[in-house]
C-alpha atoms as a PDB file:
ATOM      1  CA  MET A   1     -26.339  14.570  -4.289  1.00  0.00           C
ATOM      2  CA  PRO A   2     -22.980  13.208  -5.513  1.00  0.00           C
ATOM      3  CA  TYR A   3     -19.807  14.659  -4.043  1.00  0.00           C
ATOM      4  CA  LEU A   4     -18.596  15.470  -7.547  1.00  0.00           C
ATOM      5  CA  ASP A   5     -21.469  16.531  -9.761  1.00  0.00           C
ATOM      6  CA  ASP A   6     -20.728  17.545 -13.335  1.00  0.00           C
ATOM      7  CA  ALA A   7     -20.222  21.204 -12.507  1.00  0.00           C
ATOM      8  CA  ARG A   8     -17.759  20.529  -9.688  1.00  0.00           C
ATOM      9  CA  TRP A   9     -15.862  17.931 -11.708  1.00  0.00           C
ATOM     10  CA  LEU A  10     -15.495  20.268 -14.697  1.00  0.00           C
ATOM     11  CA  HIS A  11     -14.403  23.089 -12.412  1.00  0.00           C
ATOM     12  CA  LEU A  12     -11.648  20.847 -11.020  1.00  0.00           C
ATOM     13  CA  VAL A  13     -10.492  19.852 -14.501  1.00  0.00           C
ATOM     14  CA  HIS A  14     -10.467  23.451 -15.739  1.00  0.00           C
ATOM     15  CA  THR A  15      -8.647  24.668 -12.613  1.00  0.00           C
ATOM     16  CA  ARG A  16      -5.917  22.115 -13.221  1.00  0.00           C
ATOM     17  CA  ALA A  17      -5.269  23.614 -16.666  1.00  0.00           C
ATOM     18  CA  GLU A  18      -5.891  27.302 -16.010  1.00  0.00           C
ATOM     19  CA  GLN A  19      -4.657  27.772 -12.411  1.00  0.00           C
ATOM     20  CA  PRO A  20      -2.161  24.935 -11.832  1.00  0.00           C
ATOM     21  CA  HIS A  21      -0.417  26.809  -9.000  1.00  0.00           C
ATOM     22  CA  LEU A  22      -3.606  26.894  -6.930  1.00  0.00           C
ATOM     23  CA  ALA A  23      -3.285  23.265  -5.786  1.00  0.00           C
ATOM     24  CA  LEU A  24      -0.012  23.888  -3.973  1.00  0.00           C
ATOM     25  CA  GLU A  25      -1.352  27.113  -2.478  1.00  0.00           C
ATOM     26  CA  ARG A  26      -4.326  25.199  -1.091  1.00  0.00           C
ATOM     27  CA  LEU A  27      -2.026  22.547   0.384  1.00  0.00           C
ATOM     28  CA  ARG A  28       0.199  25.084   2.097  1.00  0.00           C
ATOM     29  CA  THR A  29      -2.670  27.175   3.478  1.00  0.00           C
ATOM     30  CA  ARG A  30      -5.011  24.393   4.565  1.00  0.00           C
ATOM     31  CA  ARG A  31      -5.912  24.074   8.233  1.00  0.00           C
ATOM     32  CA  ARG A  32      -3.353  21.759   9.878  1.00  0.00           C
ATOM     33  CA  ARG A  33      -3.625  19.443  12.888  1.00  0.00           C
ATOM     34  CA  PRO A  34      -1.241  17.504  15.167  1.00  0.00           C
ATOM     35  CA  LEU A  35      -0.194  13.994  14.192  1.00  0.00           C
ATOM     36  CA  LEU A  36      -1.787  12.384  17.243  1.00  0.00           C
ATOM     37  CA  THR A  37      -4.710  13.731  19.245  1.00  0.00           C
ATOM     38  CA  ASP A  38      -5.747  10.580  21.096  1.00  0.00           C
ATOM     39  CA  GLY A  39      -2.968   8.129  20.298  1.00  0.00           C
ATOM     40  CA  LYS A  40      -4.808   6.586  17.334  1.00  0.00           C
ATOM     41  CA  LEU A  41      -4.693   7.081  13.563  1.00  0.00           C
ATOM     42  CA  PHE A  42      -6.995   6.081  10.728  1.00  0.00           C
ATOM     43  CA  ILE A  43      -5.569   6.986   7.334  1.00  0.00           C
ATOM     44  CA  VAL A  44      -7.121   6.166   3.963  1.00  0.00           C
ATOM     45  CA  ALA A  45      -4.610   5.157   1.282  1.00  0.00           C
ATOM     46  CA  ALA A  46      -4.748   6.298  -2.339  1.00  0.00           C
ATOM     47  CA  ASP A  47      -1.260   5.959  -3.784  1.00  0.00           C
ATOM     48  CA  HIS A  48      -1.758   2.772  -5.814  1.00  0.00           C
ATOM     49  CA  THR A  49      -2.186   4.258  -9.293  1.00  0.00           C
ATOM     50  CA  ALA A  50       1.214   5.980  -9.206  1.00  0.00           C
ATOM     51  CA  ARG A  51       2.895   2.585  -9.624  1.00  0.00           C
ATOM     52  CA  GLY A  52       0.378   1.276 -12.141  1.00  0.00           C
ATOM     53  CA  MET A  53      -1.889  -0.621  -9.770  1.00  0.00           C
ATOM     54  CA  LEU A  54      -5.352   0.110 -11.136  1.00  0.00           C
ATOM     55  CA  GLY A  55      -7.570  -2.801 -10.166  1.00  0.00           C
ATOM     56  CA  VAL A  56      -9.517  -4.433  -7.383  1.00  0.00           C
ATOM     57  CA  PRO A  57     -10.874  -7.991  -7.452  1.00  0.00           C
ATOM     58  CA  GLY A  58     -13.555  -8.161 -10.115  1.00  0.00           C
ATOM     59  CA  ASP A  59     -12.683  -4.820 -11.708  1.00  0.00           C
ATOM     60  CA  PRO A  60      -9.164  -4.531 -13.141  1.00  0.00           C
ATOM     61  CA  PHE A  61      -9.522  -0.812 -13.899  1.00  0.00           C
ATOM     62  CA  ALA A  62     -11.599   0.438 -10.962  1.00  0.00           C
ATOM     63  CA  MET A  63      -8.966   2.960  -9.857  1.00  0.00           C
ATOM     64  CA  ALA A  64      -8.521   4.260 -13.399  1.00  0.00           C
ATOM     65  CA  ASP A  65     -11.736   6.253 -12.870  1.00  0.00           C
ATOM     66  CA  ARG A  66     -10.365   9.316 -11.064  1.00  0.00           C
ATOM     67  CA  ARG A  67     -13.785  10.840 -10.495  1.00  0.00           C
ATOM     68  CA  ARG A  68     -14.995   7.690  -8.728  1.00  0.00           C
ATOM     69  CA  THR A  69     -11.807   7.542  -6.658  1.00  0.00           C
ATOM     70  CA  LEU A  70     -12.088  11.153  -5.563  1.00  0.00           C
ATOM     71  CA  GLU A  71     -15.730  10.726  -4.582  1.00  0.00           C
ATOM     72  CA  ALA A  72     -14.829   7.721  -2.421  1.00  0.00           C
ATOM     73  CA  LEU A  73     -11.980   9.665  -0.817  1.00  0.00           C
ATOM     74  CA  MET A  74     -14.259  12.597  -0.077  1.00  0.00           C
ATOM     75  CA  VAL A  75     -16.735  10.254   1.613  1.00  0.00           C
ATOM     76  CA  ALA A  76     -13.891   8.863   3.711  1.00  0.00           C
ATOM     77  CA  LEU A  77     -12.372  12.207   4.645  1.00  0.00           C
ATOM     78  CA  GLU A  78     -15.744  13.611   5.646  1.00  0.00           C
ATOM     79  CA  HIS A  79     -15.984  11.021   8.424  1.00  0.00           C
ATOM     80  CA  PRO A  80     -14.803  12.538  11.735  1.00  0.00           C
ATOM     81  CA  GLY A  81     -12.943   9.338  12.602  1.00  0.00           C
ATOM     82  CA  CYS A  82     -10.808   9.449   9.451  1.00  0.00           C
ATOM     83  CA  ASP A  83      -7.616  11.329  10.284  1.00  0.00           C
ATOM     84  CA  GLY A  84      -6.251  11.841   6.798  1.00  0.00           C
ATOM     85  CA  VAL A  85      -4.973  10.455   3.525  1.00  0.00           C
ATOM     86  CA  LEU A  86      -1.881   8.836   2.035  1.00  0.00           C
ATOM     87  CA  ALA A  87      -1.580   9.740  -1.641  1.00  0.00           C
ATOM     88  CA  SER A  88       0.584  10.575  -4.630  1.00  0.00           C
ATOM     89  CA  ALA A  89       0.934  14.224  -5.610  1.00  0.00           C
ATOM     90  CA  ASP A  90      -1.727  14.189  -8.332  1.00  0.00           C
ATOM     91  CA  ILE A  91      -4.438  12.840  -6.021  1.00  0.00           C
ATOM     92  CA  MET A  92      -3.277  14.975  -3.091  1.00  0.00           C
ATOM     93  CA  GLU A  93      -3.558  18.113  -5.199  1.00  0.00           C
ATOM     94  CA  ASP A  94      -7.019  17.144  -6.478  1.00  0.00           C
ATOM     95  CA  LEU A  95      -8.169  16.747  -2.877  1.00  0.00           C
ATOM     96  CA  ALA A  96      -6.625  20.071  -1.897  1.00  0.00           C
ATOM     97  CA  LEU A  97      -8.465  21.847  -4.720  1.00  0.00           C
ATOM     98  CA  LEU A  98     -11.702  20.190  -3.593  1.00  0.00           C
ATOM     99  CA  GLY A  99     -11.185  21.459  -0.025  1.00  0.00           C
ATOM    100  CA  ALA A 100     -11.149  17.927   1.382  1.00  0.00           C
ATOM    101  CA  LEU A 101      -7.914  18.230   3.380  1.00  0.00           C
ATOM    102  CA  ASP A 102      -8.761  20.944   5.899  1.00  0.00           C
ATOM    103  CA  GLY A 103      -8.092  19.606   9.391  1.00  0.00           C
ATOM    104  CA  LYS A 104      -6.766  16.324   7.974  1.00  0.00           C
ATOM    105  CA  LEU A 105      -3.321  14.738   7.833  1.00  0.00           C
ATOM    106  CA  ALA A 106      -1.666  14.469   4.425  1.00  0.00           C
ATOM    107  CA  PHE A 107       1.020  11.805   3.899  1.00  0.00           C
ATOM    108  CA  GLY A 108       2.852  11.740   0.588  1.00  0.00           C
ATOM    109  CA  THR A 109       4.004   8.511  -1.043  1.00  0.00           C
ATOM    110  CA  MET A 110       7.669   8.478  -2.062  1.00  0.00           C
ATOM    111  CA  ASN A 111       8.878   5.414  -4.017  1.00  0.00           C
ATOM    112  CA  ARG A 112       6.546   4.523  -6.879  1.00  0.00           C
ATOM    113  CA  GLY A 113       9.148   3.454  -9.449  1.00  0.00           C
ATOM    114  CA  GLY A 114       8.449  -0.255  -8.948  1.00  0.00           C
ATOM    115  CA  ILE A 115       5.742  -0.381 -11.603  1.00  0.00           C
ATOM    116  CA  MET A 116       3.376  -3.292 -11.043  1.00  0.00           C
ATOM    117  CA  GLY A 117       4.265  -6.214 -13.315  1.00  0.00           C
ATOM    118  CA  ALA A 118       7.508  -4.685 -14.622  1.00  0.00           C
ATOM    119  CA  ALA A 119      10.692  -6.745 -14.824  1.00  0.00           C
ATOM    120  CA  TRP A 120      12.314  -4.242 -12.444  1.00  0.00           C
ATOM    121  CA  GLU A 121       9.314  -4.069 -10.079  1.00  0.00           C
ATOM    122  CA  LEU A 122      11.292  -4.628  -6.874  1.00  0.00           C
ATOM    123  CA  ASP A 123      13.930  -2.039  -7.796  1.00  0.00           C
ATOM    124  CA  ASP A 124      11.558   0.574  -6.415  1.00  0.00           C
ATOM    125  CA  ARG A 125      12.957   4.037  -7.166  1.00  0.00           C
ATOM    126  CA  MET A 126      11.903   7.341  -5.579  1.00  0.00           C
ATOM    127  CA  THR A 127       9.699   8.825  -8.284  1.00  0.00           C
ATOM    128  CA  ALA A 128       7.026  10.592  -6.234  1.00  0.00           C
ATOM    129  CA  TYR A 129       7.528  12.909  -3.241  1.00  0.00           C
ATOM    130  CA  SER A 130      10.971  13.610  -1.821  1.00  0.00           C
ATOM    131  CA  ALA A 131      11.414  14.476   1.843  1.00  0.00           C
ATOM    132  CA  ALA A 132      12.185  18.070   0.861  1.00  0.00           C
ATOM    133  CA  ALA A 133       9.004  18.300  -1.207  1.00  0.00           C
ATOM    134  CA  LEU A 134       6.925  16.937   1.675  1.00  0.00           C
ATOM    135  CA  ALA A 135       8.171  19.799   3.826  1.00  0.00           C
ATOM    136  CA  THR A 136       7.898  22.450   1.100  1.00  0.00           C
ATOM    137  CA  HIS A 137       4.286  21.535   0.326  1.00  0.00           C
ATOM    138  CA  ALA A 138       3.305  21.423   4.011  1.00  0.00           C
ATOM    139  CA  LEU A 139       2.541  17.717   4.090  1.00  0.00           C
ATOM    140  CA  ASP A 140       2.578  15.868   7.395  1.00  0.00           C
ATOM    141  CA  GLY A 141       4.800  12.898   6.545  1.00  0.00           C
ATOM    142  CA  GLY A 142       5.877  10.361   3.978  1.00  0.00           C
ATOM    143  CA  LYS A 143       5.643   6.667   3.136  1.00  0.00           C
ATOM    144  CA  VAL A 144       7.907   4.136   1.464  1.00  0.00           C
ATOM    145  CA  LEU A 145       7.201   0.601   0.254  1.00  0.00           C
ATOM    146  CA  LEU A 146       9.991  -1.866   1.043  1.00  0.00           C
ATOM    147  CA  ARG A 147       9.554  -5.206  -0.716  1.00  0.00           C
ATOM    148  CA  LEU A 148      12.272  -7.654   0.304  1.00  0.00           C
ATOM    149  CA  ALA A 149      13.052 -10.554  -2.025  1.00  0.00           C
ATOM    150  CA  ASP A 150      16.112 -12.740  -1.517  1.00  0.00           C
ATOM    151  CA  ASP A 151      15.949 -13.755  -5.187  1.00  0.00           C
ATOM    152  CA  ASP A 152      15.915 -10.214  -6.618  1.00  0.00           C
ATOM    153  CA  ALA A 153      18.945  -7.926  -6.614  1.00  0.00           C
ATOM    154  CA  GLY A 154      16.607  -4.957  -7.010  1.00  0.00           C
ATOM    155  CA  THR A 155      15.967  -5.242  -3.282  1.00  0.00           C
ATOM    156  CA  ALA A 156      19.409  -3.803  -2.484  1.00  0.00           C
ATOM    157  CA  PRO A 157      19.007  -0.345  -4.095  1.00  0.00           C
ATOM    158  CA  THR A 158      15.472  -0.172  -2.730  1.00  0.00           C
ATOM    159  CA  LEU A 159      16.780  -0.805   0.786  1.00  0.00           C
ATOM    160  CA  GLU A 160      19.354   1.941   0.328  1.00  0.00           C
ATOM    161  CA  ALA A 161      16.806   4.413  -1.055  1.00  0.00           C
ATOM    162  CA  CYS A 162      14.349   3.728   1.751  1.00  0.00           C
ATOM    163  CA  ALA A 163      17.063   4.132   4.397  1.00  0.00           C
ATOM    164  CA  ARG A 164      17.965   7.493   2.851  1.00  0.00           C
ATOM    165  CA  ALA A 165      14.300   8.549   2.914  1.00  0.00           C
ATOM    166  CA  VAL A 166      14.057   7.597   6.598  1.00  0.00           C
ATOM    167  CA  ASP A 167      17.062   9.781   7.425  1.00  0.00           C
ATOM    168  CA  GLU A 168      15.859  12.698   5.303  1.00  0.00           C
ATOM    169  CA  CYS A 169      12.379  12.677   6.832  1.00  0.00           C
ATOM    170  CA  ALA A 170      13.799  12.402  10.344  1.00  0.00           C
ATOM    171  CA  ALA A 171      16.086  15.371   9.713  1.00  0.00           C
ATOM    172  CA  LEU A 172      13.040  17.439   8.756  1.00  0.00           C
ATOM    173  CA  GLY A 173      10.964  16.241  11.701  1.00  0.00           C
ATOM    174  CA  LEU A 174       8.538  14.372   9.450  1.00  0.00           C
ATOM    175  CA  PRO A 175       7.161  10.929  10.338  1.00  0.00           C
ATOM    176  CA  ILE A 176       7.668   8.278   7.668  1.00  0.00           C
ATOM    177  CA  MET A 177       5.663   5.090   7.239  1.00  0.00           C
ATOM    178  CA  VAL A 178       7.804   2.143   6.163  1.00  0.00           C
ATOM    179  CA  GLU A 179       5.845  -0.754   4.639  1.00  0.00           C
ATOM    180  CA  PRO A 180       7.979  -3.941   4.730  1.00  0.00           C
ATOM    181  CA  LEU A 181       6.686  -6.917   2.765  1.00  0.00           C
ATOM    182  CA  PRO A 182       8.404 -10.229   1.930  1.00  0.00           C
ATOM    183  CA  TYR A 183       8.349 -11.028  -1.782  1.00  0.00           C
ATOM    184  CA  HIS A 184       9.602 -13.722  -4.126  1.00  0.00           C
ATOM    185  CA  HIS A 185       9.466 -14.616  -7.806  1.00  0.00           C
ATOM    186  CA  GLU A 186       7.069 -17.333  -8.891  1.00  0.00           C
ATOM    187  CA  PRO A 187       9.063 -20.182 -10.470  1.00  0.00           C
ATOM    188  CA  THR A 188       6.690 -20.629 -13.424  1.00  0.00           C
ATOM    189  CA  THR A 189       5.945 -17.016 -14.406  1.00  0.00           C
ATOM    190  CA  GLY A 190       8.851 -15.113 -12.878  1.00  0.00           C
ATOM    191  CA  LYS A 191       6.401 -12.517 -11.569  1.00  0.00           C
ATOM    192  CA  ALA A 192       7.036 -10.814  -8.229  1.00  0.00           C
ATOM    193  CA  ARG A 193       4.514 -11.970  -5.657  1.00  0.00           C
ATOM    194  CA  LEU A 194       3.864 -11.343  -1.970  1.00  0.00           C
ATOM    195  CA  LEU A 195       5.285 -14.224   0.067  1.00  0.00           C
ATOM    196  CA  ASP A 196       2.684 -15.730   2.408  1.00  0.00           C
ATOM    197  CA  ASP A 197       5.087 -16.663   5.177  1.00  0.00           C
ATOM    198  CA  GLU A 198       4.852 -15.411   8.755  1.00  0.00           C
ATOM    199  CA  ASP A 199       8.560 -15.954   9.439  1.00  0.00           C
ATOM    200  CA  ALA A 200       9.482 -13.938   6.356  1.00  0.00           C
ATOM    201  CA  LEU A 201       7.105 -11.151   7.424  1.00  0.00           C
ATOM    202  CA  LEU A 202       8.683 -11.057  10.889  1.00  0.00           C
ATOM    203  CA  ARG A 203      12.125 -10.796   9.283  1.00  0.00           C
ATOM    204  CA  ALA A 204      10.940  -7.971   7.006  1.00  0.00           C
ATOM    205  CA  VAL A 205       9.603  -6.027   9.993  1.00  0.00           C
ATOM    206  CA  ALA A 206      12.925  -6.446  11.779  1.00  0.00           C
ATOM    207  CA  VAL A 207      14.835  -5.136   8.743  1.00  0.00           C
ATOM    208  CA  ALA A 208      12.511  -2.145   8.304  1.00  0.00           C
ATOM    209  CA  SER A 209      12.803  -1.220  11.979  1.00  0.00           C
ATOM    210  CA  GLY A 210      16.566  -0.816  11.650  1.00  0.00           C
ATOM    211  CA  LEU A 211      16.626   1.335   8.514  1.00  0.00           C
ATOM    212  CA  GLY A 212      18.584   4.568   8.609  1.00  0.00           C
ATOM    213  CA  SER A 213      20.706   6.272  11.235  1.00  0.00           C
ATOM    214  CA  THR A 214      17.717   6.946  13.474  1.00  0.00           C
ATOM    215  CA  SER A 215      14.298   5.358  13.925  1.00  0.00           C
ATOM    216  CA  THR A 216      12.766   8.316  15.721  1.00  0.00           C
ATOM    217  CA  ALA A 217      10.590   9.237  12.735  1.00  0.00           C
ATOM    218  CA  THR A 218       9.711   5.683  11.661  1.00  0.00           C
ATOM    219  CA  TRP A 219       6.231   4.204  11.755  1.00  0.00           C
ATOM    220  CA  LEU A 220       5.701   0.682  10.440  1.00  0.00           C
ATOM    221  CA  LYS A 221       2.878  -0.037   7.982  1.00  0.00           C
ATOM    222  CA  VAL A 222       2.248  -3.774   8.107  1.00  0.00           C
ATOM    223  CA  PRO A 223      -0.380  -6.396   7.252  1.00  0.00           C
ATOM    224  CA  ALA A 224      -2.370  -7.848  10.122  1.00  0.00           C
ATOM    225  CA  GLY A 225      -0.961 -11.303   9.452  1.00  0.00           C
ATOM    226  CA  LYS A 226      -1.969 -14.462  11.247  1.00  0.00           C
ATOM    227  CA  ASN A 227      -0.060 -13.579  14.409  1.00  0.00           C
ATOM    228  CA  PRO A 228       0.384  -9.802  14.738  1.00  0.00           C
ATOM    229  CA  HIS A 229       1.680 -10.108  18.318  1.00  0.00           C
ATOM    230  CA  ARG A 230       4.605 -12.232  17.135  1.00  0.00           C
ATOM    231  CA  MET A 231       5.191 -10.135  14.014  1.00  0.00           C
ATOM    232  CA  LEU A 232       5.594  -6.957  16.068  1.00  0.00           C
ATOM    233  CA  SER A 233       7.405  -8.516  19.009  1.00  0.00           C
ATOM    234  CA  CYS A 234      10.728  -7.605  17.342  1.00  0.00           C
ATOM    235  CA  THR A 235      10.203  -3.849  17.611  1.00  0.00           C
ATOM    236  CA  THR A 236       8.944  -1.072  19.860  1.00  0.00           C
ATOM    237  CA  LEU A 237       8.155   1.210  16.920  1.00  0.00           C
ATOM    238  CA  PRO A 238       4.559   2.363  16.395  1.00  0.00           C
ATOM    239  CA  ALA A 239       2.695   0.420  13.717  1.00  0.00           C
ATOM    240  CA  LEU A 240      -0.329   0.905  11.505  1.00  0.00           C
ATOM    241  CA  ILE A 241      -2.184  -2.011   9.912  1.00  0.00           C
ATOM    242  CA  LEU A 242      -2.553  -1.954   6.143  1.00  0.00           C
ATOM    243  CA  GLY A 243      -5.526  -3.241   4.203  1.00  0.00           C
ATOM    244  CA  GLY A 244      -3.892  -4.938   1.237  1.00  0.00           C
ATOM    245  CA  THR A 245      -5.839  -6.602  -1.559  1.00  0.00           C
ATOM    246  CA  PRO A 246      -9.569  -6.688  -0.686  1.00  0.00           C
ATOM    247  CA  GLY A 247     -10.680 -10.195   0.246  1.00  0.00           C
ATOM    248  CA  SER A 248     -13.923 -11.953  -0.568  1.00  0.00           C
ATOM    249  CA  ASP A 249     -14.996 -11.895   3.095  1.00  0.00           C
ATOM    250  CA  PRO A 250     -15.009  -8.318   4.464  1.00  0.00           C
ATOM    251  CA  GLU A 251     -16.084  -9.521   7.919  1.00  0.00           C
ATOM    252  CA  ALA A 252     -12.994 -11.696   8.199  1.00  0.00           C
ATOM    253  CA  THR A 253     -10.875  -8.709   7.176  1.00  0.00           C
ATOM    254  CA  TYR A 254     -12.469  -6.461   9.794  1.00  0.00           C
ATOM    255  CA  ALA A 255     -11.911  -9.166  12.417  1.00  0.00           C
ATOM    256  CA  SER A 256      -8.214  -9.419  11.533  1.00  0.00           C
ATOM    257  CA  TRP A 257      -7.821  -5.651  11.868  1.00  0.00           C
ATOM    258  CA  ALA A 258      -9.579  -5.669  15.237  1.00  0.00           C
ATOM    259  CA  ALA A 259      -7.325  -8.477  16.479  1.00  0.00           C
ATOM    260  CA  ALA A 260      -4.217  -6.583  15.386  1.00  0.00           C
ATOM    261  CA  MET A 261      -5.389  -3.488  17.272  1.00  0.00           C
ATOM    262  CA  GLU A 262      -4.836  -5.463  20.493  1.00  0.00           C
ATOM    263  CA  VAL A 263      -1.060  -5.349  19.967  1.00  0.00           C
ATOM    264  CA  PRO A 264       0.379  -2.562  22.194  1.00  0.00           C
ATOM    265  CA  ASN A 265       2.334  -0.735  19.491  1.00  0.00           C
ATOM    266  CA  VAL A 266      -0.432  -0.867  16.880  1.00  0.00           C
ATOM    267  CA  ARG A 267      -1.934   2.607  16.653  1.00  0.00           C
ATOM    268  CA  GLY A 268      -4.473   2.280  13.863  1.00  0.00           C
ATOM    269  CA  LEU A 269      -5.132   1.555  10.202  1.00  0.00           C
ATOM    270  CA  VAL A 270      -3.902   2.687   6.784  1.00  0.00           C
ATOM    271  CA  VAL A 271      -6.377   1.156   4.334  1.00  0.00           C
ATOM    272  CA  GLY A 272      -7.208   1.934   0.716  1.00  0.00           C
ATOM    273  CA  ARG A 273      -8.909  -0.392  -1.738  1.00  0.00           C
ATOM    274  CA  ALA A 274     -10.804  -2.468   0.837  1.00  0.00           C
ATOM    275  CA  LEU A 275     -12.629   0.682   1.979  1.00  0.00           C
ATOM    276  CA  LEU A 276     -12.756   2.784  -1.187  1.00  0.00           C
ATOM    277  CA  TYR A 277     -14.035  -0.111  -3.330  1.00  0.00           C
ATOM    278  CA  PRO A 278     -15.988  -2.404  -0.973  1.00  0.00           C
ATOM    279  CA  PRO A 279     -17.805  -5.364  -2.572  1.00  0.00           C
ATOM    280  CA  ASP A 280     -21.237  -3.914  -1.752  1.00  0.00           C
ATOM    281  CA  GLY A 281     -20.314  -0.411  -2.947  1.00  0.00           C
ATOM    282  CA  ASP A 282     -21.103   1.159   0.433  1.00  0.00           C
ATOM    283  CA  VAL A 283     -18.030   3.328   1.007  1.00  0.00           C
ATOM    284  CA  ALA A 284     -19.592   5.225   3.908  1.00  0.00           C
ATOM    285  CA  GLY A 285     -20.491   1.974   5.664  1.00  0.00           C
ATOM    286  CA  ALA A 286     -16.990   0.549   5.196  1.00  0.00           C
ATOM    287  CA  ILE A 287     -15.385   3.726   6.539  1.00  0.00           C
ATOM    288  CA  GLU A 288     -17.705   3.633   9.549  1.00  0.00           C
ATOM    289  CA  ARG A 289     -16.694   0.051  10.316  1.00  0.00           C
ATOM    290  CA  ALA A 290     -12.988   0.847  10.065  1.00  0.00           C
ATOM    291  CA  ALA A 291     -13.330   3.980  12.197  1.00  0.00           C
ATOM    292  CA  GLY A 292     -15.068   1.901  14.854  1.00  0.00           C
ATOM    293  CA  ILE A 293     -12.202  -0.588  14.889  1.00  0.00           C
ATOM    294  CA  VAL A 294      -9.617   2.148  15.455  1.00  0.00           C
ATOM    295  CA  ARG A 295     -11.717   3.930  18.059  1.00  0.00           C
ATOM    296  CA  PRO A 296     -14.180   1.327  19.380  1.00  0.00           C
ATOM    297  CA  ASN A 297     -15.560   3.335  22.274  1.00  0.00           C
ATOM    298  CA  ALA A 298     -16.390   6.594  20.540  1.00  0.00           C
ATOM    299  CA  VAL A 299     -15.513   8.626  17.489  1.00  0.00           C
ATOM    300  CA  VAL A 300     -14.670  12.137  18.589  1.00  0.00           C
ATOM    301  CA  LYS A 301     -14.645  14.842  15.950  1.00  0.00           C
ATOM    302  CA  ILE A 302     -11.143  16.197  15.484  1.00  0.00           C
ATOM    303  CA  THR A 303     -11.010  19.958  15.025  1.00  0.00           C
END
């Protein structure tokens, strides 16, 4: 039986129109849990669409199908080794209405103003959750994306906004994931692109670690990279490995995550598209593999 049959899907759609307040009530009254129960975290990410990222390799509009996305998220969150979700408000509220967040962590994405492909993409404004809203809606933490490009002045206001978010979350006692990525503009197209450079990634991690007036609430969200030990040697902050764009070789991706888990301050994974839209379509199998990487000895049900 599908997680969202026609009746359940229509009920969700009608509830959104006829009882819009119910989503926030469900968020605030859901069963909560501590951030860490065994020192590890496995979070599934679903905040891509809020900045116009809709595709995965081979399907440029895969994430435009909300029903498919929610079904994949429900599969993920049902797994006892999946600790929670990172999402924009619209997806978070859908999941709350579906009862998928009880006993799970809920992290809200914050800066989604850097619309994918826009001329201002790296001037990434806070257009999603604020720190105050995270607290008001009983979420467990926030996340910011910090793309650093030496050839784009939009990096400066983004740095300032992310530093402010770090301070505001810390003041409220909320952990905040900071995702530092080195970027540049392609000479031929002018498009913003991820810079494949280990030295630049190390530098980005160093910058992100020093954001704000305190780092007590900061968690780093970083790619595995070719040398995760070196990348994270510049900080003592806890880190979670991100999934990024799904590759053509899932086994190689799993191996890179497993290698990164050997770094002392790496605590787990925050992965979205690679698990929600695996090449073989087996979401449950992909979630099982990821859960086993985070907790290789046993998956203990968190209550």
